Amino acid sequence: MKNTLVSIIESRLNSKDSGYGNDLLGLMMESTQKQEGLRMNIDEIIDECKTFFFAGHETTSHLLTWTMFLLSTNPEWQEKLRDEVVRECGIEIPNADNLSKFKLVTLINTIRLF
């Protein structure tokens, strides 16, 4: 993981483009150039990237586990949601563009939030 991050950081440092990008890594790299007392060194940037990666991975893993549990305990909703996915996507694998078409998924998320 560290070698991959070092490679990405080095490619951005060696880039002829202005700036380091408009993502989180780019913002952290810009901080190495600004404000003398608040600089981040490369090791700190790598540690922050690892933290975000693993925290995001764990959060997503827990979300998917909880979703599978709820669907397994509610077979009637499992069937309704499956029918909606097949109706909207056919035999294609659902993707981000299809999400707005899923009315039941949106309804369930709204009910759980309030």
Protein backbone atom coordinates (compact mmCIF):
# COMPACT_ATOMS: atom_id res chain seq x y z
CA MET A 1 0.00 0.00 0.00
CA LYS A 2 2.78 2.42 0.94
CA ASN A 3 4.64 1.80 -2.34
CA THR A 4 1.49 2.48 -4.34
CA LEU A 5 0.84 5.72 -2.48
CA VAL A 6 4.46 6.84 -2.86
CA SER A 7 4.21 6.14 -6.59
CA ILE A 8 1.01 8.21 -6.91
CA ILE A 9 2.49 11.08 -4.87
CA GLU A 10 5.74 11.06 -6.87
CA SER A 11 3.84 11.14 -10.17
CA ARG A 12 1.90 14.18 -8.97
CA LEU A 13 5.07 15.87 -7.72
CA ASN A 14 6.74 15.27 -11.10
CA SER A 15 3.69 16.40 -13.07
CA LYS A 16 4.16 19.51 -15.18
CA ASP A 17 0.54 20.57 -14.53
CA SER A 18 -0.21 23.41 -12.19
CA GLY A 19 -1.34 22.19 -8.80
CA TYR A 20 -1.63 18.66 -7.49
CA GLY A 21 -5.26 17.95 -8.33
CA ASN A 22 -8.57 18.92 -6.80
CA ASP A 23 -9.04 15.81 -4.67
CA LEU A 24 -8.11 15.08 -1.06
CA LEU A 25 -4.59 13.97 -1.95
CA GLY A 26 -4.06 17.16 -3.95
CA LEU A 27 -5.18 19.30 -1.01
CA MET A 28 -2.84 17.49 1.36
CA MET A 29 0.05 17.85 -1.07
CA GLU A 30 -0.64 21.57 -1.41
CA SER A 31 -0.37 21.84 2.36
CA THR A 32 3.24 20.70 2.08
CA GLN A 33 3.95 23.89 0.15
CA LYS A 34 1.97 26.37 2.26
CA GLN A 35 2.04 27.78 5.74
CA GLU A 36 5.33 27.02 7.36
CA GLY A 37 3.96 25.80 10.71
CA LEU A 38 1.14 23.64 9.29
CA ARG A 39 3.06 21.60 6.70
CA MET A 40 2.46 17.90 6.24
CA ASN A 41 5.38 15.71 5.29
CA ILE A 42 5.09 12.82 2.84
CA ASP A 43 4.83 10.20 5.61
CA GLU A 44 1.93 12.09 7.19
CA ILE A 45 0.17 12.30 3.83
CA ILE A 46 0.63 8.55 3.31
CA ASP A 47 -0.75 7.85 6.80
CA GLU A 48 -3.80 10.04 6.14
CA CYS A 49 -4.45 8.31 2.81
CA LYS A 50 -4.30 4.90 4.51
CA THR A 51 -6.70 6.09 7.20
CA PHE A 52 -9.26 7.30 4.64
CA PHE A 53 -8.91 4.14 2.56
CA PHE A 54 -9.37 1.70 5.42
CA ALA A 55 -12.11 3.74 7.12
CA GLY A 56 -14.05 3.88 3.85
CA HIS A 57 -13.51 0.18 3.25
CA GLU A 58 -14.75 -0.75 6.73
CA THR A 59 -17.77 1.54 6.53
CA THR A 60 -18.78 0.13 3.15
CA SER A 61 -18.28 -3.41 4.39
CA HIS A 62 -20.53 -2.80 7.40
CA LEU A 63 -23.20 -1.18 5.23
CA LEU A 64 -23.28 -4.12 2.83
CA THR A 65 -23.38 -6.64 5.68
CA TRP A 66 -26.27 -4.82 7.36
CA THR A 67 -28.13 -4.56 4.04
CA MET A 68 -27.76 -8.29 3.39
CA PHE A 69 -28.96 -9.06 6.91
CA LEU A 70 -32.06 -6.87 6.54
CA LEU A 71 -32.90 -8.33 3.15
CA SER A 72 -32.52 -11.87 4.47
CA THR A 73 -34.91 -11.15 7.35
CA ASN A 74 -37.48 -9.46 5.08
CA PRO A 75 -38.01 -11.75 2.07
CA GLU A 76 -41.06 -9.81 0.85
CA TRP A 77 -38.98 -6.63 0.50
CA GLN A 78 -36.15 -8.63 -1.01
CA GLU A 79 -38.52 -9.81 -3.74
CA LYS A 80 -39.93 -6.30 -4.35
CA LEU A 81 -36.47 -4.78 -4.65
CA ARG A 82 -35.26 -7.61 -6.90
CA ASP A 83 -38.27 -7.06 -9.20
CA GLU A 84 -37.53 -3.33 -9.36
CA VAL A 85 -33.88 -3.92 -10.28
CA VAL A 86 -34.82 -6.40 -13.01
CA ARG A 87 -37.53 -4.05 -14.31
CA GLU A 88 -35.17 -1.06 -14.52
CA CYS A 89 -31.93 -2.79 -15.53
CA GLY A 90 -33.01 -5.96 -17.28
CA ILE A 91 -30.06 -8.32 -17.50
CA GLU A 92 -27.52 -5.50 -17.14
CA ILE A 93 -25.58 -5.00 -13.92
CA PRO A 94 -26.92 -1.94 -12.02
CA ASN A 95 -24.60 1.06 -11.99
CA ALA A 96 -24.58 4.60 -10.63
CA ASP A 97 -26.65 5.88 -13.57
CA ASN A 98 -29.48 3.49 -12.67
CA LEU A 99 -29.79 4.62 -9.04
CA SER A 100 -32.22 7.44 -9.77
CA LYS A 101 -34.61 4.94 -11.39
CA PHE A 102 -34.99 2.85 -8.22
CA LYS A 103 -38.07 4.24 -6.48
CA LEU A 104 -38.39 1.56 -3.75
CA VAL A 105 -34.74 1.85 -2.76
CA THR A 106 -35.16 5.62 -2.49
CA LEU A 107 -38.38 5.19 -0.50
CA ILE A 108 -36.74 2.79 1.96
CA ASN A 109 -33.78 5.12 2.48
CA THR A 110 -36.14 8.04 3.12
CA ILE A 111 -38.24 6.08 5.64
CA ARG A 112 -35.16 4.90 7.54
CA LEU A 113 -33.71 8.41 7.72
CA PHE A 114 -36.85 9.94 9.30
